[in-house]
Amino acid sequence: MTVGNWATNADVISSKGGMYCRMAIDGDDGIHIAHYDLSGVNLLYTYVPVSGGIPQKDQAKTIIVDSYSSVGTYCTIDVAKVGNNYVP
């Protein structure tokens, strides 16, 4: 068994949280992430567009999906193409 190292090119795309992450990649290689914000107990959604195979982290968008009570610890995500867009 080979032991690897943490990637040195990892970037924080949302400072609001990253617990219980689930990710889906759409047909255009866009990255869709559902994750839990422990400090605000919110369910968050982050979209990271990809261009030429490179994630455009400076264009990442994060929104609060649900903030009522304690939500998001057992989230899941999927995407579907609607017209010309992929939606979670």
PDB file of N, CA and C in Angstrom:
ATOM      1  N   MET A   1       0.844  -1.178   0.000  1.00  0.00           N
ATOM      2  CA  MET A   1       0.000   0.000   0.000  1.00  0.00           C
ATOM      3  C   MET A   1       0.883   1.232   0.000  1.00  0.00           C
ATOM      4  N   THR A   2       0.595   2.157  -0.880  1.00  0.00           N
ATOM      5  CA  THR A   2       1.347   3.406  -0.959  1.00  0.00           C
ATOM      6  C   THR A   2       0.609   4.491  -0.196  1.00  0.00           C
ATOM      7  N   VAL A   3       1.337   5.213   0.611  1.00  0.00           N
ATOM      8  CA  VAL A   3       0.751   6.311   1.374  1.00  0.00           C
ATOM      9  C   VAL A   3       1.012   7.596   0.623  1.00  0.00           C
ATOM     10  N   GLY A   4      -0.042   8.353   0.339  1.00  0.00           N
ATOM     11  CA  GLY A   4       0.089   9.597  -0.406  1.00  0.00           C
ATOM     12  C   GLY A   4       0.131  10.802   0.513  1.00  0.00           C
ATOM     13  N   ASN A   5       0.294  11.919  -0.080  1.00  0.00           N
ATOM     14  CA  ASN A   5       0.310  13.187   0.640  1.00  0.00           C
ATOM     15  C   ASN A   5      -0.916  13.997   0.265  1.00  0.00           C
ATOM     16  N   TRP A   6      -1.260  14.954   1.115  1.00  0.00           N
ATOM     17  CA  TRP A   6      -2.339  15.875   0.794  1.00  0.00           C
ATOM     18  C   TRP A   6      -1.941  16.694  -0.418  1.00  0.00           C
ATOM     19  N   ALA A   7      -2.894  17.011  -1.241  1.00  0.00           N
ATOM     20  CA  ALA A   7      -2.636  17.846  -2.417  1.00  0.00           C
ATOM     21  C   ALA A   7      -2.241  19.247  -1.965  1.00  0.00           C
ATOM     22  N   THR A   8      -1.227  19.790  -2.602  1.00  0.00           N
ATOM     23  CA  THR A   8      -0.786  21.141  -2.245  1.00  0.00           C
ATOM     24  C   THR A   8      -1.548  22.202  -3.013  1.00  0.00           C
ATOM     25  N   ASN A   9      -2.354  21.795  -3.984  1.00  0.00           N
ATOM     26  CA  ASN A   9      -3.098  22.769  -4.784  1.00  0.00           C
ATOM     27  C   ASN A   9      -4.558  22.890  -4.361  1.00  0.00           C
ATOM     28  N   ALA A  10      -4.898  22.344  -3.199  1.00  0.00           N
ATOM     29  CA  ALA A  10      -6.278  22.429  -2.717  1.00  0.00           C
ATOM     30  C   ALA A  10      -6.617  23.873  -2.351  1.00  0.00           C
ATOM     31  N   ASP A  11      -7.846  24.279  -2.639  1.00  0.00           N
ATOM     32  CA  ASP A  11      -8.289  25.643  -2.359  1.00  0.00           C
ATOM     33  C   ASP A  11      -9.601  25.627  -1.596  1.00  0.00           C
ATOM     34  N   VAL A  12      -9.780  26.620  -0.753  1.00  0.00           N
ATOM     35  CA  VAL A  12     -11.037  26.806  -0.046  1.00  0.00           C
ATOM     36  C   VAL A  12     -11.973  27.568  -0.984  1.00  0.00           C
ATOM     37  N   ILE A  13     -13.124  26.990  -1.277  1.00  0.00           N
ATOM     38  CA  ILE A  13     -14.074  27.688  -2.153  1.00  0.00           C
ATOM     39  C   ILE A  13     -15.241  28.262  -1.368  1.00  0.00           C
ATOM     40  N   SER A  14     -15.396  27.831  -0.123  1.00  0.00           N
ATOM     41  CA  SER A  14     -16.448  28.380   0.728  1.00  0.00           C
ATOM     42  C   SER A  14     -15.939  28.371   2.161  1.00  0.00           C
ATOM     43  N   SER A  15     -15.863  29.529   2.764  1.00  0.00           N
ATOM     44  CA  SER A  15     -15.398  29.616   4.146  1.00  0.00           C
ATOM     45  C   SER A  15     -16.516  29.317   5.136  1.00  0.00           C
ATOM     46  N   LYS A  16     -17.718  29.072   4.648  1.00  0.00           N
ATOM     47  CA  LYS A  16     -18.874  28.840   5.522  1.00  0.00           C
ATOM     48  C   LYS A  16     -18.992  27.412   6.005  1.00  0.00           C
ATOM     49  N   GLY A  17     -18.275  26.503   5.433  1.00  0.00           N
ATOM     50  CA  GLY A  17     -18.360  25.133   5.931  1.00  0.00           C
ATOM     51  C   GLY A  17     -18.102  24.110   4.856  1.00  0.00           C
ATOM     52  N   GLY A  18     -17.859  22.909   5.296  1.00  0.00           N
ATOM     53  CA  GLY A  18     -17.582  21.851   4.358  1.00  0.00           C
ATOM     54  C   GLY A  18     -17.810  20.470   4.919  1.00  0.00           C
ATOM     55  N   MET A  19     -18.607  20.369   5.952  1.00  0.00           N
ATOM     56  CA  MET A  19     -18.895  19.056   6.519  1.00  0.00           C
ATOM     57  C   MET A  19     -19.990  18.371   5.697  1.00  0.00           C
ATOM     58  N   TYR A  20     -19.991  17.055   5.741  1.00  0.00           N
ATOM     59  CA  TYR A  20     -21.020  16.242   5.086  1.00  0.00           C
ATOM     60  C   TYR A  20     -21.153  16.592   3.598  1.00  0.00           C
ATOM     61  N   CYS A  21     -20.043  16.734   2.924  1.00  0.00           N
ATOM     62  CA  CYS A  21     -20.033  17.129   1.508  1.00  0.00           C
ATOM     63  C   CYS A  21     -20.512  16.004   0.605  1.00  0.00           C
ATOM     64  N   ARG A  22     -21.278  16.396  -0.391  1.00  0.00           N
ATOM     65  CA  ARG A  22     -21.675  15.510  -1.480  1.00  0.00           C
ATOM     66  C   ARG A  22     -21.431  16.290  -2.764  1.00  0.00           C
ATOM     67  N   MET A  23     -20.945  15.609  -3.797  1.00  0.00           N
ATOM     68  CA  MET A  23     -20.572  16.313  -5.018  1.00  0.00           C
ATOM     69  C   MET A  23     -21.101  15.566  -6.238  1.00  0.00           C
ATOM     70  N   ALA A  24     -21.458  16.345  -7.259  1.00  0.00           N
ATOM     71  CA  ALA A  24     -21.874  15.788  -8.545  1.00  0.00           C
ATOM     72  C   ALA A  24     -21.199  16.609  -9.639  1.00  0.00           C
ATOM     73  N   ILE A  25     -20.836  15.947 -10.711  1.00  0.00           N
ATOM     74  CA  ILE A  25     -20.228  16.605 -11.862  1.00  0.00           C
ATOM     75  C   ILE A  25     -21.220  16.495 -13.019  1.00  0.00           C
ATOM     76  N   ASP A  26     -21.539  17.635 -13.645  1.00  0.00           N
ATOM     77  CA  ASP A  26     -22.511  17.596 -14.738  1.00  0.00           C
ATOM     78  C   ASP A  26     -21.832  17.284 -16.074  1.00  0.00           C
ATOM     79  N   GLY A  27     -22.612  17.195 -17.133  1.00  0.00           N
ATOM     80  CA  GLY A  27     -22.109  16.848 -18.458  1.00  0.00           C
ATOM     81  C   GLY A  27     -21.168  17.874 -19.064  1.00  0.00           C
ATOM     82  N   ASP A  28     -21.155  19.096 -18.528  1.00  0.00           N
ATOM     83  CA  ASP A  28     -20.217  20.131 -18.972  1.00  0.00           C
ATOM     84  C   ASP A  28     -19.034  20.245 -18.015  1.00  0.00           C
ATOM     85  N   ASP A  29     -18.886  19.261 -17.123  1.00  0.00           N
ATOM     86  CA  ASP A  29     -17.834  19.187 -16.107  1.00  0.00           C
ATOM     87  C   ASP A  29     -17.997  20.182 -14.965  1.00  0.00           C
ATOM     88  N   GLY A  30     -19.137  20.876 -14.883  1.00  0.00           N
ATOM     89  CA  GLY A  30     -19.386  21.773 -13.754  1.00  0.00           C
ATOM     90  C   GLY A  30     -19.471  20.983 -12.456  1.00  0.00           C
ATOM     91  N   ILE A  31     -18.975  21.569 -11.382  1.00  0.00           N
ATOM     92  CA  ILE A  31     -18.918  20.900 -10.088  1.00  0.00           C
ATOM     93  C   ILE A  31     -20.034  21.443  -9.196  1.00  0.00           C
ATOM     94  N   HIS A  32     -20.887  20.558  -8.695  1.00  0.00           N
ATOM     95  CA  HIS A  32     -22.010  20.906  -7.828  1.00  0.00           C
ATOM     96  C   HIS A  32     -21.753  20.268  -6.468  1.00  0.00           C
ATOM     97  N   ILE A  33     -21.743  21.073  -5.403  1.00  0.00           N
ATOM     98  CA  ILE A  33     -21.425  20.561  -4.070  1.00  0.00           C
ATOM     99  C   ILE A  33     -22.531  20.946  -3.090  1.00  0.00           C
ATOM    100  N   ALA A  34     -23.069  19.963  -2.389  1.00  0.00           N
ATOM    101  CA  ALA A  34     -23.976  20.201  -1.270  1.00  0.00           C
ATOM    102  C   ALA A  34     -23.140  19.993  -0.015  1.00  0.00           C
ATOM    103  N   HIS A  35     -23.208  20.930   0.918  1.00  0.00           N
ATOM    104  CA  HIS A  35     -22.408  20.793   2.138  1.00  0.00           C
ATOM    105  C   HIS A  35     -23.071  21.502   3.306  1.00  0.00           C
ATOM    106  N   TYR A  36     -22.624  21.138   4.485  1.00  0.00           N
ATOM    107  CA  TYR A  36     -23.216  21.576   5.740  1.00  0.00           C
ATOM    108  C   TYR A  36     -22.319  22.615   6.397  1.00  0.00           C
ATOM    109  N   ASP A  37     -22.920  23.698   6.836  1.00  0.00           N
ATOM    110  CA  ASP A  37     -22.221  24.773   7.547  1.00  0.00           C
ATOM    111  C   ASP A  37     -22.433  24.565   9.043  1.00  0.00           C
ATOM    112  N   LEU A  38     -21.418  24.061   9.726  1.00  0.00           N
ATOM    113  CA  LEU A  38     -21.540  23.751  11.147  1.00  0.00           C
ATOM    114  C   LEU A  38     -21.768  24.997  11.996  1.00  0.00           C
ATOM    115  N   SER A  39     -21.142  26.111  11.646  1.00  0.00           N
ATOM    116  CA  SER A  39     -21.276  27.313  12.471  1.00  0.00           C
ATOM    117  C   SER A  39     -22.668  27.933  12.375  1.00  0.00           C
ATOM    118  N   GLY A  40     -23.278  27.878  11.202  1.00  0.00           N
ATOM    119  CA  GLY A  40     -24.608  28.461  11.026  1.00  0.00           C
ATOM    120  C   GLY A  40     -25.705  27.437  10.909  1.00  0.00           C
ATOM    121  N   VAL A  41     -25.359  26.164  11.026  1.00  0.00           N
ATOM    122  CA  VAL A  41     -26.251  25.020  10.840  1.00  0.00           C
ATOM    123  C   VAL A  41     -27.151  25.193   9.616  1.00  0.00           C
ATOM    124  N   ASN A  42     -26.527  25.461   8.477  1.00  0.00           N
ATOM    125  CA  ASN A  42     -27.225  25.658   7.209  1.00  0.00           C
ATOM    126  C   ASN A  42     -26.824  24.590   6.206  1.00  0.00           C
ATOM    127  N   LEU A  43     -27.733  24.296   5.290  1.00  0.00           N
ATOM    128  CA  LEU A  43     -27.411  23.471   4.136  1.00  0.00           C
ATOM    129  C   LEU A  43     -27.003  24.424   3.023  1.00  0.00           C
ATOM    130  N   LEU A  44     -25.798  24.239   2.484  1.00  0.00           N
ATOM    131  CA  LEU A  44     -25.270  25.120   1.446  1.00  0.00           C
ATOM    132  C   LEU A  44     -25.127  24.373   0.126  1.00  0.00           C
ATOM    133  N   TYR A  45     -25.149  25.144  -0.955  1.00  0.00           N
ATOM    134  CA  TYR A  45     -24.896  24.635  -2.301  1.00  0.00           C
ATOM    135  C   TYR A  45     -23.838  25.518  -2.942  1.00  0.00           C
ATOM    136  N   THR A  46     -22.821  24.880  -3.502  1.00  0.00           N
ATOM    137  CA  THR A  46     -21.767  25.614  -4.205  1.00  0.00           C
ATOM    138  C   THR A  46     -21.657  25.071  -5.616  1.00  0.00           C
ATOM    139  N   TYR A  47     -21.555  25.987  -6.568  1.00  0.00           N
ATOM    140  CA  TYR A  47     -21.316  25.618  -7.963  1.00  0.00           C
ATOM    141  C   TYR A  47     -19.973  26.186  -8.384  1.00  0.00           C
ATOM    142  N   VAL A  48     -19.146  25.334  -8.990  1.00  0.00           N
ATOM    143  CA  VAL A  48     -17.847  25.753  -9.504  1.00  0.00           C
ATOM    144  C   VAL A  48     -17.819  25.433 -10.993  1.00  0.00           C
ATOM    145  N   PRO A  49     -17.802  26.469 -11.854  1.00  0.00           N
ATOM    146  CA  PRO A  49     -17.715  26.195 -13.287  1.00  0.00           C
ATOM    147  C   PRO A  49     -16.320  25.681 -13.651  1.00  0.00           C
ATOM    148  N   VAL A  50     -16.265  24.917 -14.736  1.00  0.00           N
ATOM    149  CA  VAL A  50     -14.998  24.362 -15.216  1.00  0.00           C
ATOM    150  C   VAL A  50     -14.812  24.797 -16.656  1.00  0.00           C
ATOM    151  N   SER A  51     -13.610  25.258 -16.978  1.00  0.00           N
ATOM    152  CA  SER A  51     -13.291  25.679 -18.342  1.00  0.00           C
ATOM    153  C   SER A  51     -11.984  25.024 -18.767  1.00  0.00           C
ATOM    154  N   GLY A  52     -12.031  24.297 -19.873  1.00  0.00           N
ATOM    155  CA  GLY A  52     -10.827  23.621 -20.356  1.00  0.00           C
ATOM    156  C   GLY A  52     -10.286  22.607 -19.372  1.00  0.00           C
ATOM    157  N   GLY A  53     -11.168  22.008 -18.572  1.00  0.00           N
ATOM    158  CA  GLY A  53     -10.753  21.020 -17.594  1.00  0.00           C
ATOM    159  C   GLY A  53     -10.216  21.608 -16.298  1.00  0.00           C
ATOM    160  N   ILE A  54     -10.242  22.947 -16.166  1.00  0.00           N
ATOM    161  CA  ILE A  54      -9.707  23.612 -14.971  1.00  0.00           C
ATOM    162  C   ILE A  54     -10.846  24.266 -14.197  1.00  0.00           C
ATOM    163  N   PRO A  55     -11.031  23.881 -12.927  1.00  0.00           N
ATOM    164  CA  PRO A  55     -12.066  24.530 -12.114  1.00  0.00           C
ATOM    165  C   PRO A  55     -11.791  26.027 -11.977  1.00  0.00           C
ATOM    166  N   GLN A  56     -12.820  26.829 -12.188  1.00  0.00           N
ATOM    167  CA  GLN A  56     -12.704  28.285 -12.093  1.00  0.00           C
ATOM    168  C   GLN A  56     -13.129  28.721 -10.697  1.00  0.00           C
ATOM    169  N   LYS A  57     -12.250  28.482  -9.722  1.00  0.00           N
ATOM    170  CA  LYS A  57     -12.596  28.720  -8.315  1.00  0.00           C
ATOM    171  C   LYS A  57     -12.951  30.165  -8.023  1.00  0.00           C
ATOM    172  N   ASP A  58     -12.427  31.104  -8.802  1.00  0.00           N
ATOM    173  CA  ASP A  58     -12.756  32.516  -8.589  1.00  0.00           C
ATOM    174  C   ASP A  58     -14.190  32.842  -9.024  1.00  0.00           C
ATOM    175  N   GLN A  59     -14.824  31.923  -9.743  1.00  0.00           N
ATOM    176  CA  GLN A  59     -16.208  32.112 -10.182  1.00  0.00           C
ATOM    177  C   GLN A  59     -17.186  31.235  -9.396  1.00  0.00           C
ATOM    178  N   ALA A  60     -16.695  30.574  -8.347  1.00  0.00           N
ATOM    179  CA  ALA A  60     -17.549  29.712  -7.529  1.00  0.00           C
ATOM    180  C   ALA A  60     -18.621  30.543  -6.835  1.00  0.00           C
ATOM    181  N   LYS A  61     -19.817  30.001  -6.762  1.00  0.00           N
ATOM    182  CA  LYS A  61     -20.952  30.664  -6.106  1.00  0.00           C
ATOM    183  C   LYS A  61     -21.505  29.742  -5.033  1.00  0.00           C
ATOM    184  N   THR A  62     -21.727  30.285  -3.836  1.00  0.00           N
ATOM    185  CA  THR A  62     -22.291  29.521  -2.726  1.00  0.00           C
ATOM    186  C   THR A  62     -23.561  30.207  -2.243  1.00  0.00           C
ATOM    187  N   ILE A  63     -24.602  29.408  -2.042  1.00  0.00           N
ATOM    188  CA  ILE A  63     -25.867  29.947  -1.523  1.00  0.00           C
ATOM    189  C   ILE A  63     -26.357  29.067  -0.374  1.00  0.00           C
ATOM    190  N   ILE A  64     -27.202  29.642   0.472  1.00  0.00           N
ATOM    191  CA  ILE A  64     -27.871  28.882   1.524  1.00  0.00           C
ATOM    192  C   ILE A  64     -29.133  28.273   0.920  1.00  0.00           C
ATOM    193  N   VAL A  65     -29.249  26.963   0.998  1.00  0.00           N
ATOM    194  CA  VAL A  65     -30.416  26.258   0.480  1.00  0.00           C
ATOM    195  C   VAL A  65     -31.508  26.189   1.545  1.00  0.00           C
ATOM    196  N   ASP A  66     -31.106  25.887   2.773  1.00  0.00           N
ATOM    197  CA  ASP A  66     -32.068  25.763   3.870  1.00  0.00           C
ATOM    198  C   ASP A  66     -31.375  26.132   5.168  1.00  0.00           C
ATOM    199  N   SER A  67     -32.068  26.902   5.990  1.00  0.00           N
ATOM    200  CA  SER A  67     -31.471  27.315   7.263  1.00  0.00           C
ATOM    201  C   SER A  67     -32.426  27.106   8.426  1.00  0.00           C
ATOM    202  N   TYR A  68     -33.518  26.396   8.191  1.00  0.00           N
ATOM    203  CA  TYR A  68     -34.493  26.177   9.245  1.00  0.00           C
ATOM    204  C   TYR A  68     -34.058  25.004  10.118  1.00  0.00           C
ATOM    205  N   SER A  69     -33.858  25.259  11.381  1.00  0.00           N
ATOM    206  CA  SER A  69     -33.467  24.246  12.351  1.00  0.00           C
ATOM    207  C   SER A  69     -32.104  23.664  11.981  1.00  0.00           C
ATOM    208  N   SER A  70     -31.896  22.412  12.222  1.00  0.00           N
ATOM    209  CA  SER A  70     -30.615  21.767  11.929  1.00  0.00           C
ATOM    210  C   SER A  70     -30.800  20.894  10.689  1.00  0.00           C
ATOM    211  N   VAL A  71     -30.290  21.360   9.573  1.00  0.00           N
ATOM    212  CA  VAL A  71     -30.483  20.659   8.302  1.00  0.00           C
ATOM    213  C   VAL A  71     -29.142  20.399   7.630  1.00  0.00           C
ATOM    214  N   GLY A  72     -29.104  19.410   6.752  1.00  0.00           N
ATOM    215  CA  GLY A  72     -27.949  19.229   5.893  1.00  0.00           C
ATOM    216  C   GLY A  72     -26.949  18.179   6.288  1.00  0.00           C
ATOM    217  N   THR A  73     -27.135  17.512   7.418  1.00  0.00           N
ATOM    218  CA  THR A  73     -26.118  16.548   7.829  1.00  0.00           C
ATOM    219  C   THR A  73     -26.162  15.257   7.021  1.00  0.00           C
ATOM    220  N   TYR A  74     -27.268  14.967   6.387  1.00  0.00           N
ATOM    221  CA  TYR A  74     -27.380  13.765   5.565  1.00  0.00           C
ATOM    222  C   TYR A  74     -27.886  14.141   4.172  1.00  0.00           C
ATOM    223  N   CYS A  75     -27.222  15.098   3.556  1.00  0.00           N
ATOM    224  CA  CYS A  75     -27.660  15.603   2.255  1.00  0.00           C
ATOM    225  C   CYS A  75     -27.167  14.711   1.121  1.00  0.00           C
ATOM    226  N   THR A  76     -27.778  14.902  -0.030  1.00  0.00           N
ATOM    227  CA  THR A  76     -27.361  14.251  -1.254  1.00  0.00           C
ATOM    228  C   THR A  76     -27.557  15.253  -2.381  1.00  0.00           C
ATOM    229  N   ILE A  77     -26.956  15.012  -3.525  1.00  0.00           N
ATOM    230  CA  ILE A  77     -27.110  15.935  -4.649  1.00  0.00           C
ATOM    231  C   ILE A  77     -27.056  15.165  -5.959  1.00  0.00           C
ATOM    232  N   ASP A  78     -27.811  15.649  -6.915  1.00  0.00           N
ATOM    233  CA  ASP A  78     -27.807  15.121  -8.272  1.00  0.00           C
ATOM    234  C   ASP A  78     -28.089  16.305  -9.185  1.00  0.00           C
ATOM    235  N   VAL A  79     -27.733  16.201 -10.433  1.00  0.00           N
ATOM    236  CA  VAL A  79     -28.011  17.274 -11.388  1.00  0.00           C
ATOM    237  C   VAL A  79     -28.730  16.706 -12.600  1.00  0.00           C
ATOM    238  N   ALA A  80     -29.545  17.550 -13.223  1.00  0.00           N
ATOM    239  CA  ALA A  80     -30.273  17.166 -14.430  1.00  0.00           C
ATOM    240  C   ALA A  80     -30.162  18.302 -15.436  1.00  0.00           C
ATOM    241  N   LYS A  81     -30.171  17.955 -16.696  1.00  0.00           N
ATOM    242  CA  LYS A  81     -30.128  18.975 -17.739  1.00  0.00           C
ATOM    243  C   LYS A  81     -31.552  19.418 -18.049  1.00  0.00           C
ATOM    244  N   VAL A  82     -31.789  20.723 -17.921  1.00  0.00           N
ATOM    245  CA  VAL A  82     -33.080  21.323 -18.231  1.00  0.00           C
ATOM    246  C   VAL A  82     -32.817  22.387 -19.279  1.00  0.00           C
ATOM    247  N   GLY A  83     -33.261  22.137 -20.491  1.00  0.00           N
ATOM    248  CA  GLY A  83     -32.919  23.037 -21.590  1.00  0.00           C
ATOM    249  C   GLY A  83     -31.424  22.972 -21.845  1.00  0.00           C
ATOM    250  N   ASN A  84     -30.750  24.120 -21.749  1.00  0.00           N
ATOM    251  CA  ASN A  84     -29.299  24.155 -21.943  1.00  0.00           C
ATOM    252  C   ASN A  84     -28.531  24.226 -20.630  1.00  0.00           C
ATOM    253  N   ASN A  85     -29.241  24.136 -19.508  1.00  0.00           N
ATOM    254  CA  ASN A  85     -28.601  24.295 -18.202  1.00  0.00           C
ATOM    255  C   ASN A  85     -28.677  23.016 -17.381  1.00  0.00           C
ATOM    256  N   TYR A  86     -27.676  22.846 -16.535  1.00  0.00           N
ATOM    257  CA  TYR A  86     -27.705  21.776 -15.550  1.00  0.00           C
ATOM    258  C   TYR A  86     -28.165  22.375 -14.229  1.00  0.00           C
ATOM    259  N   VAL A  87     -29.125  21.728 -13.588  1.00  0.00           N
ATOM    260  CA  VAL A  87     -29.658  22.221 -12.325  1.00  0.00           C
ATOM    261  C   VAL A  87     -29.572  21.119 -11.276  1.00  0.00           C
ATOM    262  N   PRO A  88     -29.311  21.529 -10.024  1.00  0.00           N
ATOM    263  CA  PRO A  88     -29.232  20.512  -8.948  1.00  0.00           C
ATOM    264  C   PRO A  88     -30.632  20.079  -8.535  1.00  0.00           C
TER     265      PRO A  88
END
